[in-house]
Amino acid sequence: MGVLAALELARSAVWWAAWTAARPEEELLEPSAVARTLASEAFEKAAYECIHLHGGMGFTWEHDAHLYYRRARASRALFGDPAELRAELARSFGWFGS
C-alpha cells in the first residue's frame, strides 16, 4: 500500500473515531484502536518513505526527515505496537483465544 492510501485510510479511521466519540451511546473501543493502529502505521510509513525519497541526505542533519522517522518510532513505543493493538482488538472480538 502506498503512502497516500495509508494516510487516507488512517484519516478515515480517525474521523470514524471522532464521530463515535461525539455520540455518547456508541462504544469507543473499536474505533479508537483501529484509528491508533492505522495512524501509527501511516506515520511510520510516510516518514520511512520520506527518508528514501531524499536519499542519503534524508538521514543526515541537513534534512529533518530523520526527525520524523525517529518520532514515528518513539510514538510506536509510547502508544503501542500496531500489531499488538490489532491482536488486542481481535481478542476483544473473540477472534483469538485469550
N, C-alpha and C. Protein backbone atom coordinates (compact mmCIF):
# COMPACT_ATOMS: atom_id res chain seq x y z
N MET A 1 0.85 -1.17 0.00
CA MET A 1 0.00 0.00 0.00
C MET A 1 0.90 1.23 0.00
N GLY A 2 0.54 2.19 -0.80
CA GLY A 2 1.30 3.42 -0.88
C GLY A 2 1.04 4.35 0.30
N VAL A 3 1.84 5.39 0.37
CA VAL A 3 1.74 6.33 1.49
C VAL A 3 0.40 7.07 1.45
N LEU A 4 -0.02 7.51 0.28
CA LEU A 4 -1.28 8.24 0.19
C LEU A 4 -2.46 7.36 0.61
N ALA A 5 -2.46 6.12 0.18
CA ALA A 5 -3.54 5.21 0.57
C ALA A 5 -3.53 4.97 2.07
N ALA A 6 -2.34 4.80 2.65
CA ALA A 6 -2.24 4.59 4.11
C ALA A 6 -2.73 5.82 4.86
N LEU A 7 -2.38 7.00 4.37
CA LEU A 7 -2.82 8.24 5.03
C LEU A 7 -4.33 8.44 4.92
N GLU A 8 -4.89 8.15 3.76
CA GLU A 8 -6.34 8.29 3.60
C GLU A 8 -7.10 7.29 4.46
N LEU A 9 -6.58 6.08 4.57
CA LEU A 9 -7.21 5.08 5.41
C LEU A 9 -7.15 5.49 6.88
N ALA A 10 -6.00 6.01 7.29
CA ALA A 10 -5.85 6.48 8.67
C ALA A 10 -6.76 7.68 8.94
N ARG A 11 -6.85 8.59 7.97
CA ARG A 11 -7.72 9.76 8.14
C ARG A 11 -9.18 9.34 8.30
N SER A 12 -9.61 8.39 7.51
CA SER A 12 -10.99 7.90 7.64
C SER A 12 -11.23 7.25 8.99
N ALA A 13 -10.25 6.49 9.47
CA ALA A 13 -10.39 5.84 10.77
C ALA A 13 -10.44 6.86 11.90
N VAL A 14 -9.65 7.91 11.80
CA VAL A 14 -9.66 8.96 12.83
C VAL A 14 -10.99 9.71 12.81
N TRP A 15 -11.52 9.99 11.63
CA TRP A 15 -12.83 10.63 11.54
C TRP A 15 -13.92 9.73 12.12
N TRP A 16 -13.82 8.44 11.88
CA TRP A 16 -14.78 7.49 12.44
C TRP A 16 -14.70 7.48 13.96
N ALA A 17 -13.48 7.49 14.50
CA ALA A 17 -13.31 7.50 15.96
C ALA A 17 -13.84 8.81 16.55
N ALA A 18 -13.59 9.93 15.87
CA ALA A 18 -14.10 11.21 16.36
C ALA A 18 -15.62 11.25 16.32
N TRP A 19 -16.21 10.73 15.26
CA TRP A 19 -17.66 10.69 15.14
C TRP A 19 -18.27 9.82 16.23
N THR A 20 -17.60 8.70 16.49
CA THR A 20 -18.08 7.78 17.53
C THR A 20 -17.95 8.41 18.92
N ALA A 21 -16.87 9.15 19.15
CA ALA A 21 -16.67 9.79 20.45
C ALA A 21 -17.72 10.87 20.71
N ALA A 22 -18.24 11.47 19.65
CA ALA A 22 -19.25 12.52 19.81
C ALA A 22 -20.63 11.96 20.12
N ARG A 23 -20.79 10.66 19.96
CA ARG A 23 -22.07 10.02 20.22
C ARG A 23 -21.95 9.22 21.51
N PRO A 24 -22.60 9.65 22.58
CA PRO A 24 -22.40 9.02 23.88
C PRO A 24 -22.88 7.58 23.97
N GLU A 25 -23.79 7.18 23.11
CA GLU A 25 -24.30 5.81 23.20
C GLU A 25 -23.42 4.79 22.48
N GLU A 26 -22.43 5.25 21.76
CA GLU A 26 -21.56 4.35 20.99
C GLU A 26 -20.37 3.89 21.82
N GLU A 27 -19.90 2.71 21.53
CA GLU A 27 -18.70 2.15 22.19
C GLU A 27 -17.47 2.65 21.43
N LEU A 28 -16.48 3.13 22.15
CA LEU A 28 -15.32 3.77 21.53
C LEU A 28 -14.11 2.83 21.40
N LEU A 29 -14.16 1.64 21.95
CA LEU A 29 -13.00 0.75 21.95
C LEU A 29 -12.55 0.40 20.54
N GLU A 30 -13.46 -0.06 19.71
CA GLU A 30 -13.09 -0.49 18.36
C GLU A 30 -12.57 0.67 17.50
N PRO A 31 -13.32 1.78 17.39
CA PRO A 31 -12.82 2.86 16.52
C PRO A 31 -11.50 3.46 16.98
N SER A 32 -11.32 3.58 18.29
CA SER A 32 -10.07 4.18 18.76
C SER A 32 -8.89 3.25 18.52
N ALA A 33 -9.08 1.95 18.68
CA ALA A 33 -7.99 1.00 18.42
C ALA A 33 -7.63 0.96 16.94
N VAL A 34 -8.63 0.99 16.09
CA VAL A 34 -8.38 0.99 14.65
C VAL A 34 -7.68 2.28 14.23
N ALA A 35 -8.12 3.42 14.77
CA ALA A 35 -7.51 4.70 14.43
C ALA A 35 -6.06 4.77 14.91
N ARG A 36 -5.80 4.32 16.12
CA ARG A 36 -4.42 4.32 16.63
C ARG A 36 -3.52 3.45 15.78
N THR A 37 -4.00 2.28 15.43
CA THR A 37 -3.20 1.35 14.63
C THR A 37 -2.89 1.92 13.25
N LEU A 38 -3.92 2.37 12.56
CA LEU A 38 -3.72 2.86 11.19
C LEU A 38 -2.91 4.16 11.15
N ALA A 39 -3.15 5.05 12.11
CA ALA A 39 -2.41 6.31 12.14
C ALA A 39 -0.93 6.06 12.45
N SER A 40 -0.66 5.16 13.36
CA SER A 40 0.73 4.85 13.69
C SER A 40 1.46 4.24 12.50
N GLU A 41 0.81 3.31 11.83
CA GLU A 41 1.44 2.68 10.66
C GLU A 41 1.63 3.69 9.52
N ALA A 42 0.66 4.56 9.31
CA ALA A 42 0.77 5.55 8.23
C ALA A 42 1.88 6.55 8.52
N PHE A 43 2.01 6.97 9.77
CA PHE A 43 3.05 7.92 10.15
C PHE A 43 4.43 7.31 9.92
N GLU A 44 4.61 6.07 10.37
CA GLU A 44 5.91 5.43 10.21
C GLU A 44 6.23 5.18 8.74
N LYS A 45 5.23 4.78 7.96
CA LYS A 45 5.45 4.53 6.53
C LYS A 45 5.81 5.83 5.80
N ALA A 46 5.09 6.91 6.11
CA ALA A 46 5.37 8.19 5.45
C ALA A 46 6.77 8.70 5.81
N ALA A 47 7.16 8.56 7.07
CA ALA A 47 8.49 9.01 7.48
C ALA A 47 9.58 8.17 6.83
N TYR A 48 9.36 6.87 6.75
CA TYR A 48 10.32 5.96 6.13
C TYR A 48 10.48 6.28 4.64
N GLU A 49 9.37 6.48 3.95
CA GLU A 49 9.43 6.79 2.53
C GLU A 49 10.05 8.16 2.28
N CYS A 50 9.86 9.09 3.20
CA CYS A 50 10.47 10.42 3.07
C CYS A 50 11.99 10.31 3.09
N ILE A 51 12.50 9.47 3.97
CA ILE A 51 13.95 9.27 4.03
C ILE A 51 14.45 8.69 2.71
N HIS A 52 13.75 7.70 2.19
CA HIS A 52 14.16 7.08 0.93
C HIS A 52 14.04 8.05 -0.24
N LEU A 53 13.05 8.90 -0.20
CA LEU A 53 12.86 9.88 -1.26
C LEU A 53 14.03 10.85 -1.32
N HIS A 54 14.53 11.24 -0.17
CA HIS A 54 15.63 12.19 -0.12
C HIS A 54 17.00 11.53 -0.21
N GLY A 55 17.03 10.23 -0.31
CA GLY A 55 18.30 9.54 -0.50
C GLY A 55 19.18 9.63 0.73
N GLY A 56 20.49 9.73 0.52
CA GLY A 56 21.45 9.77 1.62
C GLY A 56 21.27 10.97 2.52
N MET A 57 20.77 12.06 1.96
CA MET A 57 20.58 13.27 2.76
C MET A 57 19.42 13.12 3.74
N GLY A 58 18.53 12.15 3.50
CA GLY A 58 17.36 12.01 4.34
C GLY A 58 17.65 11.61 5.77
N PHE A 59 18.80 10.99 6.00
CA PHE A 59 19.13 10.56 7.36
C PHE A 59 20.34 11.32 7.89
N THR A 60 20.55 12.52 7.42
CA THR A 60 21.63 13.35 7.93
C THR A 60 21.03 14.56 8.64
N TRP A 61 21.90 15.35 9.23
CA TRP A 61 21.44 16.53 9.97
C TRP A 61 21.03 17.67 9.04
N GLU A 62 21.32 17.57 7.74
CA GLU A 62 20.95 18.64 6.83
C GLU A 62 19.46 18.65 6.50
N HIS A 63 18.79 17.56 6.79
CA HIS A 63 17.36 17.48 6.49
C HIS A 63 16.62 16.94 7.71
N ASP A 64 15.37 17.35 7.90
CA ASP A 64 14.60 16.96 9.08
C ASP A 64 13.88 15.63 8.93
N ALA A 65 14.09 14.91 7.85
CA ALA A 65 13.38 13.65 7.63
C ALA A 65 13.68 12.64 8.73
N HIS A 66 14.90 12.62 9.21
CA HIS A 66 15.25 11.66 10.25
C HIS A 66 14.50 11.94 11.55
N LEU A 67 14.16 13.20 11.78
CA LEU A 67 13.41 13.55 13.00
C LEU A 67 12.01 12.96 12.96
N TYR A 68 11.37 13.00 11.81
CA TYR A 68 10.03 12.43 11.69
C TYR A 68 10.05 10.91 11.86
N TYR A 69 11.08 10.27 11.30
CA TYR A 69 11.18 8.82 11.45
C TYR A 69 11.42 8.45 12.91
N ARG A 70 12.28 9.17 13.56
CA ARG A 70 12.54 8.89 14.97
C ARG A 70 11.30 9.15 15.82
N ARG A 71 10.57 10.19 15.48
CA ARG A 71 9.32 10.48 16.21
C ARG A 71 8.29 9.39 15.98
N ALA A 72 8.23 8.86 14.77
CA ALA A 72 7.30 7.77 14.48
C ALA A 72 7.66 6.52 15.26
N ARG A 73 8.94 6.22 15.34
CA ARG A 73 9.38 5.05 16.12
C ARG A 73 9.13 5.27 17.61
N ALA A 74 9.31 6.49 18.09
CA ALA A 74 9.05 6.78 19.50
C ALA A 74 7.56 6.68 19.81
N SER A 75 6.72 7.11 18.89
CA SER A 75 5.28 7.01 19.13
C SER A 75 4.83 5.55 19.13
N ARG A 76 5.51 4.72 18.39
CA ARG A 76 5.21 3.27 18.42
C ARG A 76 5.52 2.72 19.81
N ALA A 77 6.63 3.16 20.38
CA ALA A 77 6.99 2.70 21.73
C ALA A 77 6.05 3.30 22.78
N LEU A 78 5.62 4.52 22.57
CA LEU A 78 4.78 5.21 23.55
C LEU A 78 3.33 4.73 23.50
N PHE A 79 2.76 4.62 22.32
CA PHE A 79 1.34 4.30 22.18
C PHE A 79 1.05 2.83 21.91
N GLY A 80 2.08 2.05 21.66
CA GLY A 80 1.89 0.62 21.44
C GLY A 80 2.15 0.22 20.00
N ASP A 81 2.65 -0.98 19.86
CA ASP A 81 2.94 -1.54 18.55
C ASP A 81 1.63 -1.84 17.83
N PRO A 82 1.48 -1.44 16.56
CA PRO A 82 0.23 -1.70 15.85
C PRO A 82 -0.15 -3.18 15.78
N ALA A 83 0.82 -4.06 15.68
CA ALA A 83 0.50 -5.49 15.65
C ALA A 83 -0.11 -5.93 16.98
N GLU A 84 0.42 -5.42 18.08
CA GLU A 84 -0.15 -5.75 19.39
C GLU A 84 -1.54 -5.15 19.55
N LEU A 85 -1.74 -3.95 19.03
CA LEU A 85 -3.06 -3.32 19.11
C LEU A 85 -4.09 -4.11 18.30
N ARG A 86 -3.68 -4.59 17.11
CA ARG A 86 -4.60 -5.41 16.30
C ARG A 86 -4.93 -6.72 16.99
N ALA A 87 -3.93 -7.33 17.63
CA ALA A 87 -4.18 -8.58 18.35
C ALA A 87 -5.11 -8.35 19.55
N GLU A 88 -4.92 -7.23 20.24
CA GLU A 88 -5.80 -6.88 21.36
C GLU A 88 -7.24 -6.67 20.88
N LEU A 89 -7.39 -6.01 19.76
CA LEU A 89 -8.71 -5.78 19.19
C LEU A 89 -9.36 -7.09 18.77
N ALA A 90 -8.58 -7.97 18.15
CA ALA A 90 -9.11 -9.27 17.73
C ALA A 90 -9.54 -10.10 18.95
N ARG A 91 -8.76 -10.05 20.02
CA ARG A 91 -9.15 -10.77 21.24
C ARG A 91 -10.42 -10.20 21.83
N SER A 92 -10.61 -8.88 21.75
CA SER A 92 -11.83 -8.28 22.29
C SER A 92 -13.07 -8.71 21.51
N PHE A 93 -12.89 -9.03 20.22
CA PHE A 93 -13.98 -9.54 19.39
C PHE A 93 -14.16 -11.04 19.53
N GLY A 94 -13.22 -11.68 20.20
CA GLY A 94 -13.29 -13.13 20.36
C GLY A 94 -12.75 -13.88 19.16
N TRP A 95 -11.97 -13.23 18.30
CA TRP A 95 -11.43 -13.89 17.13
C TRP A 95 -10.26 -14.78 17.50
N PHE A 96 -9.52 -14.42 18.55
CA PHE A 96 -8.40 -15.22 19.03
C PHE A 96 -8.77 -15.73 20.40
N GLY A 97 -8.09 -16.76 20.81
CA GLY A 97 -8.25 -17.21 22.19
C GLY A 97 -7.56 -16.24 23.12
N SER A 98 -7.97 -16.17 24.35
CA SER A 98 -7.35 -15.23 25.30
C SER A 98 -6.07 -15.80 25.79
